[in-house]
Amino acid sequence: MWLIRGLAPWRRGKKGFSWLEIDEAFCNGSPLSVLTKSYDITISPRFNANRQLTVFHIKHGERAVAAINDRLMQDMAE
């Protein structure tokens, strides 16, 4: 799971985790988020709680979080 950002070459960057490092994903919402269907997603790694990946204002972010957590559960079951 990687986040790549920045349109200008000097502003580009990427950060993320491999699937094996991800502990859980969750979304943060407010009443405005529910109305606009736009949520902030936070992905937590297993080994370093200080190194979270947060992406802001994702449309239907609750679906993305559900898909990530379902995939993690499937990988743990195997």
N, C-alpha and C. Protein backbone atom coordinates (compact mmCIF):
# COMPACT_ATOMS: atom_id res chain seq x y z
N MET A 1 0.86 -1.15 0.00
CA MET A 1 0.00 0.00 0.00
C MET A 1 0.91 1.21 0.00
N TRP A 2 0.87 1.99 -1.09
CA TRP A 2 1.75 3.15 -1.23
C TRP A 2 0.94 4.39 -1.54
N LEU A 3 1.37 5.50 -0.99
CA LEU A 3 0.79 6.81 -1.27
C LEU A 3 1.82 7.59 -2.05
N ILE A 4 1.47 7.98 -3.26
CA ILE A 4 2.34 8.80 -4.09
C ILE A 4 1.65 10.13 -4.27
N ARG A 5 2.37 11.22 -4.00
CA ARG A 5 1.73 12.53 -4.05
C ARG A 5 2.64 13.54 -4.72
N GLY A 6 2.03 14.67 -5.10
CA GLY A 6 2.77 15.78 -5.67
C GLY A 6 2.75 15.78 -7.18
N LEU A 7 2.33 16.88 -7.76
CA LEU A 7 2.32 17.01 -9.22
C LEU A 7 3.66 17.52 -9.74
N ALA A 8 4.24 18.47 -9.05
CA ALA A 8 5.53 19.03 -9.47
C ALA A 8 6.65 18.07 -9.07
N PRO A 9 7.68 17.93 -9.92
CA PRO A 9 8.76 16.97 -9.62
C PRO A 9 9.45 17.23 -8.28
N TRP A 10 9.58 18.47 -7.88
CA TRP A 10 10.27 18.78 -6.63
C TRP A 10 9.37 18.57 -5.41
N ARG A 11 8.08 18.33 -5.63
CA ARG A 11 7.15 18.08 -4.53
C ARG A 11 6.73 16.62 -4.44
N ARG A 12 7.21 15.79 -5.32
CA ARG A 12 6.79 14.39 -5.33
C ARG A 12 7.39 13.63 -4.16
N GLY A 13 6.65 12.66 -3.75
CA GLY A 13 7.13 11.80 -2.68
C GLY A 13 6.25 10.57 -2.59
N LYS A 14 6.77 9.55 -1.95
CA LYS A 14 5.96 8.36 -1.73
C LYS A 14 6.33 7.76 -0.39
N LYS A 15 5.34 7.16 0.22
CA LYS A 15 5.57 6.42 1.45
C LYS A 15 4.50 5.37 1.57
N GLY A 16 4.77 4.35 2.35
CA GLY A 16 3.78 3.30 2.49
C GLY A 16 4.34 2.09 3.19
N PHE A 17 3.56 1.01 3.13
CA PHE A 17 3.89 -0.24 3.81
C PHE A 17 3.62 -1.40 2.87
N SER A 18 4.31 -2.50 3.12
CA SER A 18 3.94 -3.73 2.41
C SER A 18 2.74 -4.34 3.14
N TRP A 19 2.05 -5.25 2.49
CA TRP A 19 0.87 -5.88 3.11
C TRP A 19 1.22 -6.58 4.41
N LEU A 20 2.44 -7.12 4.50
CA LEU A 20 2.84 -7.84 5.70
C LEU A 20 3.02 -6.92 6.90
N GLU A 21 3.26 -5.63 6.66
CA GLU A 21 3.47 -4.68 7.74
C GLU A 21 2.18 -4.07 8.29
N ILE A 22 1.09 -4.13 7.54
CA ILE A 22 -0.14 -3.43 7.92
C ILE A 22 -0.85 -4.18 9.04
N ASP A 23 -1.21 -3.45 10.09
CA ASP A 23 -1.96 -4.02 11.20
C ASP A 23 -3.45 -3.82 11.00
N GLU A 24 -3.86 -2.59 10.73
CA GLU A 24 -5.28 -2.30 10.52
C GLU A 24 -5.42 -0.98 9.78
N ALA A 25 -6.60 -0.78 9.24
CA ALA A 25 -6.97 0.48 8.61
C ALA A 25 -8.26 0.95 9.25
N PHE A 26 -8.38 2.24 9.45
CA PHE A 26 -9.62 2.79 9.98
C PHE A 26 -9.85 4.17 9.40
N CYS A 27 -11.11 4.60 9.43
CA CYS A 27 -11.44 5.91 8.89
C CYS A 27 -11.95 6.82 9.99
N ASN A 28 -11.62 8.07 9.85
CA ASN A 28 -12.06 9.10 10.79
C ASN A 28 -13.09 9.94 10.07
N GLY A 29 -14.19 10.17 10.73
CA GLY A 29 -15.25 10.95 10.10
C GLY A 29 -15.88 11.93 11.05
N SER A 30 -16.55 12.87 10.47
CA SER A 30 -17.32 13.86 11.22
C SER A 30 -18.71 13.90 10.60
N PRO A 31 -19.63 14.64 11.17
CA PRO A 31 -20.94 14.75 10.53
C PRO A 31 -20.85 15.29 9.09
N LEU A 32 -19.91 16.18 8.84
CA LEU A 32 -19.72 16.68 7.48
C LEU A 32 -19.19 15.58 6.57
N SER A 33 -18.33 14.72 7.10
CA SER A 33 -17.81 13.60 6.31
C SER A 33 -18.92 12.65 5.89
N VAL A 34 -19.87 12.43 6.77
CA VAL A 34 -20.98 11.54 6.45
C VAL A 34 -21.83 12.14 5.33
N LEU A 35 -22.04 13.44 5.38
CA LEU A 35 -22.83 14.09 4.33
C LEU A 35 -22.13 14.10 2.98
N THR A 36 -20.81 14.32 2.98
CA THR A 36 -20.07 14.41 1.72
C THR A 36 -19.50 13.07 1.27
N LYS A 37 -19.63 12.03 2.12
CA LYS A 37 -19.08 10.70 1.83
C LYS A 37 -17.56 10.76 1.63
N SER A 38 -16.89 11.66 2.33
CA SER A 38 -15.45 11.85 2.22
C SER A 38 -14.83 11.63 3.60
N TYR A 39 -13.95 10.66 3.71
CA TYR A 39 -13.38 10.28 5.00
C TYR A 39 -11.86 10.36 4.96
N ASP A 40 -11.26 10.50 6.14
CA ASP A 40 -9.81 10.40 6.29
C ASP A 40 -9.49 8.96 6.65
N ILE A 41 -8.52 8.38 5.96
CA ILE A 41 -8.13 6.99 6.18
C ILE A 41 -6.77 6.97 6.87
N THR A 42 -6.66 6.15 7.90
CA THR A 42 -5.38 5.96 8.59
C THR A 42 -5.04 4.48 8.56
N ILE A 43 -3.81 4.18 8.15
CA ILE A 43 -3.32 2.81 8.10
C ILE A 43 -2.19 2.69 9.11
N SER A 44 -2.32 1.74 10.02
CA SER A 44 -1.34 1.55 11.10
C SER A 44 -0.46 0.34 10.80
N PRO A 45 0.84 0.49 10.97
CA PRO A 45 1.73 -0.67 10.81
C PRO A 45 1.76 -1.51 12.09
N ARG A 46 2.21 -2.73 11.97
CA ARG A 46 2.27 -3.63 13.13
C ARG A 46 3.39 -3.28 14.09
N PHE A 47 4.52 -2.90 13.56
CA PHE A 47 5.73 -2.85 14.38
C PHE A 47 6.09 -1.46 14.90
N ASN A 48 5.53 -0.40 14.34
CA ASN A 48 5.89 0.95 14.75
C ASN A 48 4.64 1.83 14.74
N ALA A 49 4.04 2.03 15.89
CA ALA A 49 2.78 2.78 15.97
C ALA A 49 2.95 4.25 15.64
N ASN A 50 4.17 4.76 15.69
CA ASN A 50 4.41 6.17 15.40
C ASN A 50 4.45 6.46 13.91
N ARG A 51 4.47 5.45 13.08
CA ARG A 51 4.64 5.61 11.64
C ARG A 51 3.35 5.28 10.90
N GLN A 52 2.31 6.03 11.14
CA GLN A 52 1.03 5.79 10.49
C GLN A 52 0.97 6.53 9.15
N LEU A 53 0.18 6.00 8.25
CA LEU A 53 -0.06 6.62 6.95
C LEU A 53 -1.49 7.14 6.95
N THR A 54 -1.66 8.45 6.78
CA THR A 54 -2.98 9.06 6.78
C THR A 54 -3.21 9.74 5.44
N VAL A 55 -4.36 9.46 4.85
CA VAL A 55 -4.77 10.07 3.59
C VAL A 55 -6.08 10.80 3.86
N PHE A 56 -6.14 12.06 3.47
CA PHE A 56 -7.29 12.90 3.81
C PHE A 56 -8.28 12.99 2.66
N HIS A 57 -9.56 13.11 3.01
CA HIS A 57 -10.66 13.41 2.09
C HIS A 57 -10.77 12.39 0.95
N ILE A 58 -10.92 11.13 1.29
CA ILE A 58 -11.08 10.06 0.30
C ILE A 58 -12.57 9.79 0.13
N LYS A 59 -13.04 9.91 -1.11
CA LYS A 59 -14.45 9.63 -1.38
C LYS A 59 -14.73 8.16 -1.13
N HIS A 60 -15.80 7.87 -0.39
CA HIS A 60 -16.18 6.51 0.01
C HIS A 60 -15.01 5.82 0.72
N GLY A 61 -14.35 6.54 1.60
CA GLY A 61 -13.22 5.99 2.35
C GLY A 61 -13.60 4.81 3.22
N GLU A 62 -14.86 4.77 3.67
CA GLU A 62 -15.28 3.64 4.50
C GLU A 62 -15.25 2.34 3.70
N ARG A 63 -15.51 2.42 2.41
CA ARG A 63 -15.43 1.22 1.55
C ARG A 63 -13.98 0.78 1.38
N ALA A 64 -13.09 1.75 1.22
CA ALA A 64 -11.67 1.42 1.08
C ALA A 64 -11.14 0.75 2.34
N VAL A 65 -11.52 1.27 3.50
CA VAL A 65 -11.09 0.68 4.77
C VAL A 65 -11.64 -0.73 4.91
N ALA A 66 -12.89 -0.94 4.55
CA ALA A 66 -13.48 -2.28 4.62
C ALA A 66 -12.75 -3.25 3.69
N ALA A 67 -12.40 -2.80 2.49
CA ALA A 67 -11.69 -3.66 1.54
C ALA A 67 -10.29 -4.00 2.05
N ILE A 68 -9.59 -3.02 2.62
CA ILE A 68 -8.25 -3.27 3.16
C ILE A 68 -8.31 -4.25 4.31
N ASN A 69 -9.23 -4.04 5.24
CA ASN A 69 -9.33 -4.93 6.40
C ASN A 69 -9.80 -6.33 6.01
N ASP A 70 -10.68 -6.44 5.01
CA ASP A 70 -11.08 -7.76 4.51
C ASP A 70 -9.90 -8.51 3.92
N ARG A 71 -9.09 -7.81 3.15
CA ARG A 71 -7.90 -8.42 2.55
C ARG A 71 -6.93 -8.88 3.63
N LEU A 72 -6.76 -8.06 4.67
CA LEU A 72 -5.87 -8.45 5.77
C LEU A 72 -6.39 -9.69 6.48
N MET A 73 -7.70 -9.77 6.68
CA MET A 73 -8.29 -10.95 7.34
C MET A 73 -8.12 -12.20 6.48
N GLN A 74 -8.26 -12.07 5.17
CA GLN A 74 -8.06 -13.21 4.27
C GLN A 74 -6.62 -13.69 4.33
N ASP A 75 -5.67 -12.75 4.35
CA ASP A 75 -4.26 -13.12 4.41
C ASP A 75 -3.92 -13.81 5.73
N MET A 76 -4.56 -13.39 6.81
CA MET A 76 -4.31 -14.01 8.11
C MET A 76 -4.90 -15.41 8.18
N ALA A 77 -6.01 -15.64 7.47
CA ALA A 77 -6.67 -16.95 7.48
C ALA A 77 -5.88 -17.99 6.70
N GLU A 78 -5.08 -17.55 5.76
CA GLU A 78 -4.33 -18.50 4.92
C GLU A 78 -3.08 -19.00 5.57
